[in-house]
Amino acid sequence: MKHYGKLTAAAAAGFMALSAMGVAPVFAAETDTGFEVDVKKTVTKNDTSALVPNVTFNYTITNGDASGAIKAGINGGLVAKNNDLALETNDDAVGKSTTTYTGITLEAPNSAYTSAGPGVYHYVVNETAHATDDYDGFTGTTTSINVYVFVEQDPATKANTVTSISATSDGETKTDVDFAANYDTYTLAVTKEVTGNMGDKDRDFTFTGGVTASGAHDRFTANKGTAVATTITDKSTISTNLKHGETYTLHGLSAKDAANLAENDYTSDSYTTIIKKDDAVVESAAKTASDANNLAYTVTNNKQVTTPTGILMTAAPYAGLVALGGIFAGLFFRRKRED
């Protein structure tokens, strides 16, 4: 009981000291060897129909610097469980605004602090810089997070024990280390319009195209109308049919991706085709590898034919005059015979 009272008093004194230093402890899962805390990555998407690329995020742990009462980290004082410091994305469902990836657990073993003494130890967890286009579209990424390990000493046994872990990269108390990021992508949308007195608004018009991805692991989805977007399995070739009023939208295009969607030629069916973007006539519905915009196109097929009914209506007044003249002529010659 005496030891318990001493430990309680020591813990209270320790927390008071930490509060005075402006460092808020974060309690994580306690194990027989110390404390554990999870590393996660929360990605926020600007387009819920887009999918995060299948890429791997790697991390390193380094000993942080000493500052005032904060001690520099020690070798082995904060390690990854099973030496796993990689997070792989597995975003396979559309409709979510955020996706969280987990799989790394950091632990602070008591054995590392046997001779180090009590105190607050500083470590830095870094996300490895990405040099490939697979990460194009990620913005606002948290790349470095400070982690503090709190170690207290039993006044009676002199044993050092890890009591908590604090991650204070943004000043908030956390139980997990979160490398947040945004994933910003763009869309290419094509709307079908049919006009003219002979335009068939119930007809399917075929469009073909494809996507040239900047990264090998980029993934794209598409939807027609209000249908839920589905993953495009073949990026090089895309095919769809559109009726009047329907829109086909490609999702998940980064600034470095290129895409196009072109309608088949229907001139043999007497259709004249006009493509517009923002009311300006253009040659094709496409996105270049340097266009960082949401692009919307309207493809209009017009079929206007002058019908035979129209020709008869045009000649009708003249035909009426001829007929009326015949009537008057008949009456005139009839009176002549009677005289």
C-alpha atoms as a PDB file:
ATOM      1  CA  MET A   1       0.000   0.000   0.000  1.00  0.00           C
ATOM      2  CA  LYS A   2       2.917   2.295   0.784  1.00  0.00           C
ATOM      3  CA  HIS A   3       4.378   1.648  -2.659  1.00  0.00           C
ATOM      4  CA  TYR A   4       1.006   2.323  -4.282  1.00  0.00           C
ATOM      5  CA  GLY A   5       0.721   5.636  -2.477  1.00  0.00           C
ATOM      6  CA  LYS A   6       4.208   6.619  -3.523  1.00  0.00           C
ATOM      7  CA  LEU A   7       3.514   5.709  -7.160  1.00  0.00           C
ATOM      8  CA  THR A   8       0.295   7.682  -7.109  1.00  0.00           C
ATOM      9  CA  ALA A   9       2.048  10.704  -5.657  1.00  0.00           C
ATOM     10  CA  ALA A  10       4.863  10.413  -8.179  1.00  0.00           C
ATOM     11  CA  ALA A  11       2.423  10.120 -11.072  1.00  0.00           C
ATOM     12  CA  ALA A  12       0.472  13.142  -9.893  1.00  0.00           C
ATOM     13  CA  ALA A  13       3.658  15.147  -9.545  1.00  0.00           C
ATOM     14  CA  GLY A  14       4.762  14.035 -12.996  1.00  0.00           C
ATOM     15  CA  PHE A  15       1.509  15.080 -14.655  1.00  0.00           C
ATOM     16  CA  MET A  16       1.598  18.424 -12.869  1.00  0.00           C
ATOM     17  CA  ALA A  17       5.103  18.983 -14.181  1.00  0.00           C
ATOM     18  CA  LEU A  18       4.069  17.989 -17.712  1.00  0.00           C
ATOM     19  CA  SER A  19       1.082  20.317 -17.579  1.00  0.00           C
ATOM     20  CA  ALA A  20       3.395  23.126 -16.576  1.00  0.00           C
ATOM     21  CA  MET A  21       5.508  22.359 -19.668  1.00  0.00           C
ATOM     22  CA  GLY A  22       2.400  22.512 -21.897  1.00  0.00           C
ATOM     23  CA  VAL A  23       2.617  18.875 -23.022  1.00  0.00           C
ATOM     24  CA  ALA A  24      -0.598  16.849 -22.862  1.00  0.00           C
ATOM     25  CA  PRO A  25      -0.114  13.093 -22.410  1.00  0.00           C
ATOM     26  CA  VAL A  26      -2.079  10.689 -24.550  1.00  0.00           C
ATOM     27  CA  PHE A  27      -2.902   7.299 -23.117  1.00  0.00           C
ATOM     28  CA  ALA A  28      -2.490   4.438 -25.531  1.00  0.00           C
ATOM     29  CA  ALA A  29      -2.867   0.680 -25.168  1.00  0.00           C
ATOM     30  CA  GLU A  30      -0.714  -0.652 -22.333  1.00  0.00           C
ATOM     31  CA  THR A  31       1.170  -3.917 -22.786  1.00  0.00           C
ATOM     32  CA  ASP A  32       3.509  -5.941 -20.609  1.00  0.00           C
ATOM     33  CA  THR A  33       6.465  -4.233 -22.261  1.00  0.00           C
ATOM     34  CA  GLY A  34       5.187  -0.678 -22.379  1.00  0.00           C
ATOM     35  CA  PHE A  35       2.720   1.345 -24.436  1.00  0.00           C
ATOM     36  CA  GLU A  36       1.483   1.064 -28.026  1.00  0.00           C
ATOM     37  CA  VAL A  37       0.014   3.643 -30.394  1.00  0.00           C
ATOM     38  CA  ASP A  38      -1.261   3.175 -33.953  1.00  0.00           C
ATOM     39  CA  VAL A  39      -0.053   5.028 -37.016  1.00  0.00           C
ATOM     40  CA  LYS A  40      -2.819   5.765 -39.495  1.00  0.00           C
ATOM     41  CA  LYS A  41      -3.331   7.803 -42.628  1.00  0.00           C
ATOM     42  CA  THR A  42      -6.654   9.536 -43.209  1.00  0.00           C
ATOM     43  CA  VAL A  43      -7.174  10.658 -46.809  1.00  0.00           C
ATOM     44  CA  THR A  44      -9.961  13.134 -47.588  1.00  0.00           C
ATOM     45  CA  LYS A  45     -11.246  13.058 -51.176  1.00  0.00           C
ATOM     46  CA  ASN A  46     -12.759  16.066 -52.928  1.00  0.00           C
ATOM     47  CA  ASP A  47     -14.705  13.640 -55.166  1.00  0.00           C
ATOM     48  CA  THR A  48     -16.399  10.796 -53.322  1.00  0.00           C
ATOM     49  CA  SER A  49     -16.616   8.824 -56.585  1.00  0.00           C
ATOM     50  CA  ALA A  50     -12.821   8.768 -56.962  1.00  0.00           C
ATOM     51  CA  LEU A  51     -10.548   6.001 -55.665  1.00  0.00           C
ATOM     52  CA  VAL A  52      -7.191   6.523 -53.960  1.00  0.00           C
ATOM     53  CA  PRO A  53      -4.343   4.859 -55.933  1.00  0.00           C
ATOM     54  CA  ASN A  54      -3.013   1.511 -54.731  1.00  0.00           C
ATOM     55  CA  VAL A  55       0.264   2.878 -53.390  1.00  0.00           C
ATOM     56  CA  THR A  56       2.409   2.287 -50.313  1.00  0.00           C
ATOM     57  CA  PHE A  57       3.276   4.931 -47.729  1.00  0.00           C
ATOM     58  CA  ASN A  58       6.534   4.323 -45.867  1.00  0.00           C
ATOM     59  CA  TYR A  59       7.681   5.772 -42.533  1.00  0.00           C
ATOM     60  CA  THR A  60      10.821   6.141 -40.443  1.00  0.00           C
ATOM     61  CA  ILE A  61      11.433   6.781 -36.739  1.00  0.00           C
ATOM     62  CA  THR A  62      14.267   9.040 -35.627  1.00  0.00           C
ATOM     63  CA  ASN A  63      15.371  10.271 -32.220  1.00  0.00           C
ATOM     64  CA  GLY A  64      14.104  13.789 -31.626  1.00  0.00           C
ATOM     65  CA  ASP A  65      16.031  16.694 -30.128  1.00  0.00           C
ATOM     66  CA  ALA A  66      16.108  17.698 -26.488  1.00  0.00           C
ATOM     67  CA  SER A  67      14.379  20.937 -25.550  1.00  0.00           C
ATOM     68  CA  GLY A  68      14.226  22.198 -21.988  1.00  0.00           C
ATOM     69  CA  ALA A  69      12.822  19.416 -19.819  1.00  0.00           C
ATOM     70  CA  ILE A  70      12.198  17.255 -22.893  1.00  0.00           C
ATOM     71  CA  LYS A  71      14.903  14.643 -23.443  1.00  0.00           C
ATOM     72  CA  ALA A  72      16.213  13.474 -26.796  1.00  0.00           C
ATOM     73  CA  GLY A  73      14.985  10.086 -27.896  1.00  0.00           C
ATOM     74  CA  ILE A  74      17.095   6.988 -27.369  1.00  0.00           C
ATOM     75  CA  ASN A  75      17.791   4.072 -29.674  1.00  0.00           C
ATOM     76  CA  GLY A  76      15.041   1.490 -29.351  1.00  0.00           C
ATOM     77  CA  GLY A  77      12.899   3.811 -27.264  1.00  0.00           C
ATOM     78  CA  LEU A  78      10.166   3.907 -29.923  1.00  0.00           C
ATOM     79  CA  VAL A  79       9.955   1.096 -32.469  1.00  0.00           C
ATOM     80  CA  ALA A  80       7.489  -0.368 -34.933  1.00  0.00           C
ATOM     81  CA  LYS A  81       5.892  -3.617 -33.917  1.00  0.00           C
ATOM     82  CA  ASN A  82       7.079  -6.443 -36.169  1.00  0.00           C
ATOM     83  CA  ASN A  83       9.361  -3.872 -37.853  1.00  0.00           C
ATOM     84  CA  ASP A  84       6.424  -2.870 -40.060  1.00  0.00           C
ATOM     85  CA  LEU A  85       6.594   0.766 -41.176  1.00  0.00           C
ATOM     86  CA  ALA A  86       4.500   0.648 -44.344  1.00  0.00           C
ATOM     87  CA  LEU A  87       0.844   1.464 -45.030  1.00  0.00           C
ATOM     88  CA  GLU A  88      -0.799   0.187 -48.199  1.00  0.00           C
ATOM     89  CA  THR A  89      -3.938   1.844 -49.522  1.00  0.00           C
ATOM     90  CA  ASN A  90      -6.923  -0.397 -50.104  1.00  0.00           C
ATOM     91  CA  ASP A  91      -9.690   2.006 -51.081  1.00  0.00           C
ATOM     92  CA  ASP A  92     -12.066  -0.181 -53.090  1.00  0.00           C
ATOM     93  CA  ALA A  93     -15.401   1.534 -52.468  1.00  0.00           C
ATOM     94  CA  VAL A  94     -16.795   4.780 -53.824  1.00  0.00           C
ATOM     95  CA  GLY A  95     -19.143   7.062 -51.966  1.00  0.00           C
ATOM     96  CA  LYS A  96     -16.840   7.865 -49.034  1.00  0.00           C
ATOM     97  CA  SER A  97     -15.402  11.315 -48.389  1.00  0.00           C
ATOM     98  CA  THR A  98     -12.583   9.975 -46.187  1.00  0.00           C
ATOM     99  CA  THR A  99     -10.620   6.756 -46.155  1.00  0.00           C
ATOM    100  CA  THR A 100      -8.410   5.656 -43.269  1.00  0.00           C
ATOM    101  CA  TYR A 101      -5.518   3.214 -43.617  1.00  0.00           C
ATOM    102  CA  THR A 102      -4.050   1.438 -40.612  1.00  0.00           C
ATOM    103  CA  GLY A 103      -1.567  -1.316 -39.965  1.00  0.00           C
ATOM    104  CA  ILE A 104       1.433   0.205 -38.172  1.00  0.00           C
ATOM    105  CA  THR A 105       1.753  -0.039 -34.401  1.00  0.00           C
ATOM    106  CA  LEU A 106       4.462   1.856 -32.529  1.00  0.00           C
ATOM    107  CA  GLU A 107       5.559   0.575 -29.137  1.00  0.00           C
ATOM    108  CA  ALA A 108       7.705   2.037 -26.372  1.00  0.00           C
ATOM    109  CA  PRO A 109       9.134  -0.951 -24.457  1.00  0.00           C
ATOM    110  CA  ASN A 110       9.964  -0.591 -20.778  1.00  0.00           C
ATOM    111  CA  SER A 111      13.215  -2.475 -21.338  1.00  0.00           C
ATOM    112  CA  ALA A 112      14.598   0.403 -23.446  1.00  0.00           C
ATOM    113  CA  TYR A 113      14.430   2.763 -20.468  1.00  0.00           C
ATOM    114  CA  THR A 114      15.956   0.538 -17.782  1.00  0.00           C
ATOM    115  CA  SER A 115      19.071   2.677 -17.472  1.00  0.00           C
ATOM    116  CA  ALA A 116      17.825   5.809 -19.233  1.00  0.00           C
ATOM    117  CA  GLY A 117      15.960   7.239 -16.270  1.00  0.00           C
ATOM    118  CA  PRO A 118      12.547   8.854 -15.954  1.00  0.00           C
ATOM    119  CA  GLY A 119      11.481  11.781 -18.138  1.00  0.00           C
ATOM    120  CA  VAL A 120       9.811  12.729 -21.412  1.00  0.00           C
ATOM    121  CA  TYR A 121      11.596  11.431 -24.520  1.00  0.00           C
ATOM    122  CA  HIS A 122      11.190  13.023 -27.942  1.00  0.00           C
ATOM    123  CA  TYR A 123      10.910  11.094 -31.231  1.00  0.00           C
ATOM    124  CA  VAL A 124       9.962  12.052 -34.781  1.00  0.00           C
ATOM    125  CA  VAL A 125       7.993   9.850 -37.179  1.00  0.00           C
ATOM    126  CA  ASN A 126       8.458  10.869 -40.825  1.00  0.00           C
ATOM    127  CA  GLU A 127       6.585   9.927 -43.968  1.00  0.00           C
ATOM    128  CA  THR A 128       9.033   9.116 -46.759  1.00  0.00           C
ATOM    129  CA  ALA A 129       8.985  11.604 -49.626  1.00  0.00           C
ATOM    130  CA  HIS A 130       7.347  10.343 -52.800  1.00  0.00           C
ATOM    131  CA  ALA A 131       9.146  10.748 -56.092  1.00  0.00           C
ATOM    132  CA  THR A 132       6.751   8.976 -58.466  1.00  0.00           C
ATOM    133  CA  ASP A 133       3.614  10.099 -60.258  1.00  0.00           C
ATOM    134  CA  ASP A 134       1.658   7.471 -58.318  1.00  0.00           C
ATOM    135  CA  TYR A 135       1.219  10.119 -55.647  1.00  0.00           C
ATOM    136  CA  ASP A 136       0.010  12.848 -57.993  1.00  0.00           C
ATOM    137  CA  GLY A 137      -3.124  14.370 -56.542  1.00  0.00           C
ATOM    138  CA  PHE A 138      -2.127  14.127 -52.881  1.00  0.00           C
ATOM    139  CA  THR A 139      -2.019  17.558 -51.234  1.00  0.00           C
ATOM    140  CA  GLY A 140      -1.778  18.918 -47.714  1.00  0.00           C
ATOM    141  CA  THR A 141       0.040  15.827 -46.528  1.00  0.00           C
ATOM    142  CA  THR A 142       1.304  15.703 -42.944  1.00  0.00           C
ATOM    143  CA  THR A 143       4.895  14.535 -43.364  1.00  0.00           C
ATOM    144  CA  SER A 144       6.314  14.686 -39.844  1.00  0.00           C
ATOM    145  CA  ILE A 145       4.827  14.066 -36.396  1.00  0.00           C
ATOM    146  CA  ASN A 146       6.445  14.464 -32.987  1.00  0.00           C
ATOM    147  CA  VAL A 147       5.928  11.657 -30.511  1.00  0.00           C
ATOM    148  CA  TYR A 148       6.703  11.920 -26.806  1.00  0.00           C
ATOM    149  CA  VAL A 149       7.188   8.916 -24.529  1.00  0.00           C
ATOM    150  CA  PHE A 150       6.560   9.447 -20.811  1.00  0.00           C
ATOM    151  CA  VAL A 151       8.653   7.365 -18.408  1.00  0.00           C
ATOM    152  CA  GLU A 152       8.182   7.342 -14.631  1.00  0.00           C
ATOM    153  CA  GLN A 153      10.230   5.702 -11.893  1.00  0.00           C
ATOM    154  CA  ASP A 154       8.973   3.730  -8.923  1.00  0.00           C
ATOM    155  CA  PRO A 155      10.533   5.482  -5.899  1.00  0.00           C
ATOM    156  CA  ALA A 156      10.842   2.188  -4.047  1.00  0.00           C
ATOM    157  CA  THR A 157      12.037  -0.248  -6.744  1.00  0.00           C
ATOM    158  CA  LYS A 158      13.727   2.357  -8.954  1.00  0.00           C
ATOM    159  CA  ALA A 159      12.118   0.576 -11.924  1.00  0.00           C
ATOM    160  CA  ASN A 160      11.361   2.762 -14.952  1.00  0.00           C
ATOM    161  CA  THR A 161       7.921   2.335 -16.527  1.00  0.00           C
ATOM    162  CA  VAL A 162       6.431   3.819 -19.702  1.00  0.00           C
ATOM    163  CA  THR A 163       3.151   5.461 -18.696  1.00  0.00           C
ATOM    164  CA  SER A 164       1.913   7.180 -21.859  1.00  0.00           C
ATOM    165  CA  ILE A 165       2.651   8.367 -25.395  1.00  0.00           C
ATOM    166  CA  SER A 166       1.765  11.818 -26.726  1.00  0.00           C
ATOM    167  CA  ALA A 167       1.553  12.905 -30.367  1.00  0.00           C
ATOM    168  CA  THR A 168       1.343  16.683 -30.553  1.00  0.00           C
ATOM    169  CA  SER A 169       2.011  17.621 -34.175  1.00  0.00           C
ATOM    170  CA  ASP A 170      -0.977  19.970 -34.386  1.00  0.00           C
ATOM    171  CA  GLY A 171      -1.427  20.779 -30.703  1.00  0.00           C
ATOM    172  CA  GLU A 172      -4.323  18.363 -30.239  1.00  0.00           C
ATOM    173  CA  THR A 173      -4.386  15.377 -27.959  1.00  0.00           C
ATOM    174  CA  LYS A 174      -4.378  12.170 -29.982  1.00  0.00           C
ATOM    175  CA  THR A 175      -4.420   8.485 -29.258  1.00  0.00           C
ATOM    176  CA  ASP A 176      -3.223   7.717 -32.796  1.00  0.00           C
ATOM    177  CA  VAL A 177      -0.549   9.203 -35.020  1.00  0.00           C
ATOM    178  CA  ASP A 178      -2.434  10.418 -38.087  1.00  0.00           C
ATOM    179  CA  PHE A 179      -0.655  11.389 -41.311  1.00  0.00           C
ATOM    180  CA  ALA A 180      -3.603  13.221 -42.852  1.00  0.00           C
ATOM    181  CA  ALA A 181      -3.732  14.095 -46.546  1.00  0.00           C
ATOM    182  CA  ASN A 182      -6.098  15.340 -49.231  1.00  0.00           C
ATOM    183  CA  TYR A 183      -6.634  13.602 -52.548  1.00  0.00           C
ATOM    184  CA  ASP A 184      -7.773  16.147 -55.154  1.00  0.00           C
ATOM    185  CA  THR A 185      -8.904  14.902 -58.563  1.00  0.00           C
ATOM    186  CA  TYR A 186     -10.873  16.111 -61.578  1.00  0.00           C
ATOM    187  CA  THR A 187     -13.671  14.875 -63.824  1.00  0.00           C
ATOM    188  CA  LEU A 188     -14.350  14.672 -67.551  1.00  0.00           C
ATOM    189  CA  ALA A 189     -18.089  14.735 -68.298  1.00  0.00           C
ATOM    190  CA  VAL A 190     -19.804  14.322 -71.684  1.00  0.00           C
ATOM    191  CA  THR A 191     -23.526  15.031 -72.138  1.00  0.00           C
ATOM    192  CA  LYS A 192     -25.468  13.819 -75.194  1.00  0.00           C
ATOM    193  CA  GLU A 193     -27.982  16.117 -76.909  1.00  0.00           C
ATOM    194  CA  VAL A 194     -30.122  15.298 -79.947  1.00  0.00           C
ATOM    195  CA  THR A 195     -31.921  18.026 -81.923  1.00  0.00           C
ATOM    196  CA  GLY A 196     -33.800  18.448 -85.216  1.00  0.00           C
ATOM    197  CA  ASN A 197     -37.160  17.249 -86.511  1.00  0.00           C
ATOM    198  CA  MET A 198     -35.648  13.888 -87.442  1.00  0.00           C
ATOM    199  CA  GLY A 199     -33.337  13.508 -84.432  1.00  0.00           C
ATOM    200  CA  ASP A 200     -33.915  10.207 -82.603  1.00  0.00           C
ATOM    201  CA  LYS A 201     -33.819  10.959 -78.874  1.00  0.00           C
ATOM    202  CA  ASP A 202     -34.327   7.282 -77.981  1.00  0.00           C
ATOM    203  CA  ARG A 203     -31.294   6.134 -79.952  1.00  0.00           C
ATOM    204  CA  ASP A 204     -28.037   4.999 -78.337  1.00  0.00           C
ATOM    205  CA  PHE A 205     -25.001   6.840 -79.703  1.00  0.00           C
ATOM    206  CA  THR A 206     -21.695   5.067 -79.154  1.00  0.00           C
ATOM    207  CA  PHE A 207     -18.679   6.795 -77.597  1.00  0.00           C
ATOM    208  CA  THR A 208     -15.163   5.387 -77.237  1.00  0.00           C
ATOM    209  CA  GLY A 209     -12.043   6.751 -75.570  1.00  0.00           C
ATOM    210  CA  GLY A 210      -9.512   6.047 -72.870  1.00  0.00           C
ATOM    211  CA  VAL A 211      -7.287   7.316 -70.078  1.00  0.00           C
ATOM    212  CA  THR A 212      -3.530   7.834 -70.138  1.00  0.00           C
ATOM    213  CA  ALA A 213      -2.516   7.582 -66.486  1.00  0.00           C
ATOM    214  CA  SER A 214       0.486   9.396 -65.038  1.00  0.00           C
ATOM    215  CA  GLY A 215       1.062   6.629 -62.472  1.00  0.00           C
ATOM    216  CA  ALA A 216       0.980   2.871 -62.820  1.00  0.00           C
ATOM    217  CA  HIS A 217      -1.350   2.503 -59.838  1.00  0.00           C
ATOM    218  CA  ASP A 218      -3.819   5.266 -60.668  1.00  0.00           C
ATOM    219  CA  ARG A 219      -7.422   4.092 -60.612  1.00  0.00           C
ATOM    220  CA  PHE A 220     -10.467   5.583 -62.301  1.00  0.00           C
ATOM    221  CA  THR A 221     -14.223   5.237 -62.049  1.00  0.00           C
ATOM    222  CA  ALA A 222     -17.116   6.222 -64.277  1.00  0.00           C
ATOM    223  CA  ASN A 223     -20.851   6.628 -64.012  1.00  0.00           C
ATOM    224  CA  LYS A 224     -23.699   7.333 -66.407  1.00  0.00           C
ATOM    225  CA  GLY A 225     -26.467   9.549 -65.075  1.00  0.00           C
ATOM    226  CA  THR A 226     -27.283   8.909 -61.423  1.00  0.00           C
ATOM    227  CA  ALA A 227     -25.785   5.416 -61.383  1.00  0.00           C
ATOM    228  CA  VAL A 228     -23.110   4.732 -58.768  1.00  0.00           C
ATOM    229  CA  ALA A 229     -19.615   5.086 -60.190  1.00  0.00           C
ATOM    230  CA  THR A 230     -17.828   1.806 -60.883  1.00  0.00           C
ATOM    231  CA  THR A 231     -14.138   1.030 -61.341  1.00  0.00           C
ATOM    232  CA  ILE A 232     -12.745   1.140 -64.868  1.00  0.00           C
ATOM    233  CA  THR A 233     -10.845  -2.103 -65.353  1.00  0.00           C
ATOM    234  CA  ASP A 234      -9.280  -1.221 -68.716  1.00  0.00           C
ATOM    235  CA  LYS A 235      -7.863   2.298 -68.623  1.00  0.00           C
ATOM    236  CA  SER A 236      -6.660   2.279 -72.224  1.00  0.00           C
ATOM    237  CA  THR A 237     -10.107   1.705 -73.755  1.00  0.00           C
ATOM    238  CA  ILE A 238     -13.481   3.030 -72.623  1.00  0.00           C
ATOM    239  CA  SER A 239     -16.806   2.484 -74.413  1.00  0.00           C
ATOM    240  CA  THR A 240     -20.311   3.675 -73.575  1.00  0.00           C
ATOM    241  CA  ASN A 241     -23.656   4.453 -75.212  1.00  0.00           C
ATOM    242  CA  LEU A 242     -25.534   7.685 -74.562  1.00  0.00           C
ATOM    243  CA  LYS A 243     -29.081   8.741 -75.329  1.00  0.00           C
ATOM    244  CA  HIS A 244     -30.371  12.301 -75.397  1.00  0.00           C
ATOM    245  CA  GLY A 245     -29.981  13.883 -71.961  1.00  0.00           C
ATOM    246  CA  GLU A 246     -27.565  11.267 -70.577  1.00  0.00           C
ATOM    247  CA  THR A 247     -24.123  12.171 -69.165  1.00  0.00           C
ATOM    248  CA  TYR A 248     -21.042   9.970 -68.830  1.00  0.00           C
ATOM    249  CA  THR A 249     -18.510  11.123 -66.207  1.00  0.00           C
ATOM    250  CA  LEU A 250     -14.940   9.963 -65.650  1.00  0.00           C
ATOM    251  CA  HIS A 251     -13.678  10.355 -62.045  1.00  0.00           C
ATOM    252  CA  GLY A 252     -10.237  10.286 -60.441  1.00  0.00           C
ATOM    253  CA  LEU A 253      -8.231  12.222 -63.042  1.00  0.00           C
ATOM    254  CA  SER A 254      -5.161  13.937 -61.633  1.00  0.00           C
ATOM    255  CA  ALA A 255      -3.570  17.033 -63.129  1.00  0.00           C
ATOM    256  CA  LYS A 256      -1.100  14.805 -64.996  1.00  0.00           C
ATOM    257  CA  ASP A 257      -3.638  12.350 -66.414  1.00  0.00           C
ATOM    258  CA  ALA A 258      -5.037  12.643 -69.931  1.00  0.00           C
ATOM    259  CA  ALA A 259      -8.418  11.367 -71.105  1.00  0.00           C
ATOM    260  CA  ASN A 260     -10.759  11.567 -74.081  1.00  0.00           C
ATOM    261  CA  LEU A 261     -14.225  10.431 -75.125  1.00  0.00           C
ATOM    262  CA  ALA A 262     -15.246  10.653 -78.797  1.00  0.00           C
ATOM    263  CA  GLU A 263     -18.521   9.824 -80.520  1.00  0.00           C
ATOM    264  CA  ASN A 264     -18.640   7.507 -83.520  1.00  0.00           C
ATOM    265  CA  ASP A 265     -19.253   9.121 -86.917  1.00  0.00           C
ATOM    266  CA  TYR A 266     -22.986   9.379 -87.721  1.00  0.00           C
ATOM    267  CA  THR A 267     -22.775  11.538 -90.869  1.00  0.00           C
ATOM    268  CA  SER A 268     -23.990   8.591 -92.971  1.00  0.00           C
ATOM    269  CA  ASP A 269     -27.234   8.820 -90.965  1.00  0.00           C
ATOM    270  CA  SER A 270     -27.517  12.531 -91.875  1.00  0.00           C
ATOM    271  CA  TYR A 271     -26.482  13.763 -88.405  1.00  0.00           C
ATOM    272  CA  THR A 272     -24.410  16.913 -88.011  1.00  0.00           C
ATOM    273  CA  THR A 273     -22.321  16.877 -84.818  1.00  0.00           C
ATOM    274  CA  ILE A 274     -21.201  19.886 -82.776  1.00  0.00           C
ATOM    275  CA  ILE A 275     -19.082  19.649 -79.583  1.00  0.00           C
ATOM    276  CA  LYS A 276     -19.191  22.509 -77.078  1.00  0.00           C
ATOM    277  CA  LYS A 277     -17.371  23.359 -73.866  1.00  0.00           C
ATOM    278  CA  ASP A 278     -18.666  26.379 -71.944  1.00  0.00           C
ATOM    279  CA  ASP A 279     -20.751  27.350 -75.014  1.00  0.00           C
ATOM    280  CA  ALA A 280     -17.631  27.445 -77.198  1.00  0.00           C
ATOM    281  CA  VAL A 281     -17.336  25.054 -80.135  1.00  0.00           C
ATOM    282  CA  VAL A 282     -14.359  22.694 -79.789  1.00  0.00           C
ATOM    283  CA  GLU A 283     -12.956  19.821 -81.789  1.00  0.00           C
ATOM    284  CA  SER A 284     -13.075  17.081 -79.154  1.00  0.00           C
ATOM    285  CA  ALA A 285     -14.108  16.155 -75.603  1.00  0.00           C
ATOM    286  CA  ALA A 286     -10.772  15.595 -73.908  1.00  0.00           C
ATOM    287  CA  LYS A 287      -8.491  16.439 -70.983  1.00  0.00           C
ATOM    288  CA  THR A 288      -4.790  17.062 -71.514  1.00  0.00           C
ATOM    289  CA  ALA A 289      -2.018  16.088 -69.089  1.00  0.00           C
ATOM    290  CA  SER A 290      -1.659  19.714 -68.000  1.00  0.00           C
ATOM    291  CA  ASP A 291      -5.310  20.635 -67.489  1.00  0.00           C
ATOM    292  CA  ALA A 292      -6.191  20.798 -63.783  1.00  0.00           C
ATOM    293  CA  ASN A 293      -9.910  21.473 -64.160  1.00  0.00           C
ATOM    294  CA  ASN A 294     -13.270  19.763 -64.088  1.00  0.00           C
ATOM    295  CA  LEU A 295     -14.232  19.578 -67.757  1.00  0.00           C
ATOM    296  CA  ALA A 296     -17.802  19.362 -69.091  1.00  0.00           C
ATOM    297  CA  TYR A 297     -18.730  18.906 -72.754  1.00  0.00           C
ATOM    298  CA  THR A 298     -21.991  18.730 -74.699  1.00  0.00           C
ATOM    299  CA  VAL A 299     -22.078  16.675 -77.904  1.00  0.00           C
ATOM    300  CA  THR A 300     -25.077  17.663 -80.046  1.00  0.00           C
ATOM    301  CA  ASN A 301     -26.314  15.604 -82.980  1.00  0.00           C
ATOM    302  CA  ASN A 302     -28.695  17.504 -85.244  1.00  0.00           C
ATOM    303  CA  LYS A 303     -30.843  15.926 -87.971  1.00  0.00           C
ATOM    304  CA  GLN A 304     -33.107  18.377 -89.779  1.00  0.00           C
ATOM    305  CA  VAL A 305     -34.937  17.224 -92.912  1.00  0.00           C
ATOM    306  CA  THR A 306     -37.360  19.206 -95.126  1.00  0.00           C
ATOM    307  CA  THR A 307     -40.368  16.902 -95.371  1.00  0.00           C
ATOM    308  CA  PRO A 308     -42.778  16.424 -98.363  1.00  0.00           C
ATOM    309  CA  THR A 309     -45.573  17.767 -96.151  1.00  0.00           C
ATOM    310  CA  GLY A 310     -43.734  21.042 -95.996  1.00  0.00           C
ATOM    311  CA  ILE A 311     -43.457  21.215 -99.806  1.00  0.00           C
ATOM    312  CA  LEU A 312     -47.210  20.744-100.310  1.00  0.00           C
ATOM    313  CA  MET A 313     -47.991  23.430 -97.778  1.00  0.00           C
ATOM    314  CA  THR A 314     -45.717  25.803 -99.663  1.00  0.00           C
ATOM    315  CA  ALA A 315     -47.449  25.128-103.024  1.00  0.00           C
ATOM    316  CA  ALA A 316     -50.997  25.054-101.652  1.00  0.00           C
ATOM    317  CA  PRO A 317     -51.801  28.793-102.166  1.00  0.00           C
ATOM    318  CA  TYR A 318     -50.836  28.607-105.843  1.00  0.00           C
ATOM    319  CA  ALA A 319     -52.811  25.430-106.378  1.00  0.00           C
ATOM    320  CA  GLY A 320     -55.829  27.111-104.817  1.00  0.00           C
ATOM    321  CA  LEU A 321     -55.605  30.048-107.230  1.00  0.00           C
ATOM    322  CA  VAL A 322     -55.456  27.721-110.226  1.00  0.00           C
ATOM    323  CA  ALA A 323     -58.512  25.835-109.016  1.00  0.00           C
ATOM    324  CA  LEU A 324     -60.440  29.058-108.404  1.00  0.00           C
ATOM    325  CA  GLY A 325     -59.554  30.288-111.889  1.00  0.00           C
ATOM    326  CA  GLY A 326     -60.944  27.065-113.372  1.00  0.00           C
ATOM    327  CA  ILE A 327     -64.236  27.567-111.556  1.00  0.00           C
ATOM    328  CA  PHE A 328     -64.664  31.106-112.887  1.00  0.00           C
ATOM    329  CA  ALA A 329     -63.767  29.965-116.418  1.00  0.00           C
ATOM    330  CA  GLY A 330     -66.403  27.255-116.295  1.00  0.00           C
ATOM    331  CA  LEU A 331     -69.122  29.691-115.207  1.00  0.00           C
ATOM    332  CA  PHE A 332     -68.130  32.174-117.959  1.00  0.00           C
ATOM    333  CA  PHE A 333     -68.383  29.641-120.826  1.00  0.00           C
ATOM    334  CA  ARG A 334     -71.675  28.279-119.444  1.00  0.00           C
ATOM    335  CA  ARG A 335     -73.295  31.745-119.630  1.00  0.00           C
ATOM    336  CA  LYS A 336     -72.002  32.162-123.183  1.00  0.00           C
ATOM    337  CA  ARG A 337     -73.760  28.974-124.289  1.00  0.00           C
ATOM    338  CA  GLU A 338     -76.990  30.015-122.632  1.00  0.00           C
ATOM    339  CA  ASP A 339     -76.956  33.347-124.486  1.00  0.00           C
END
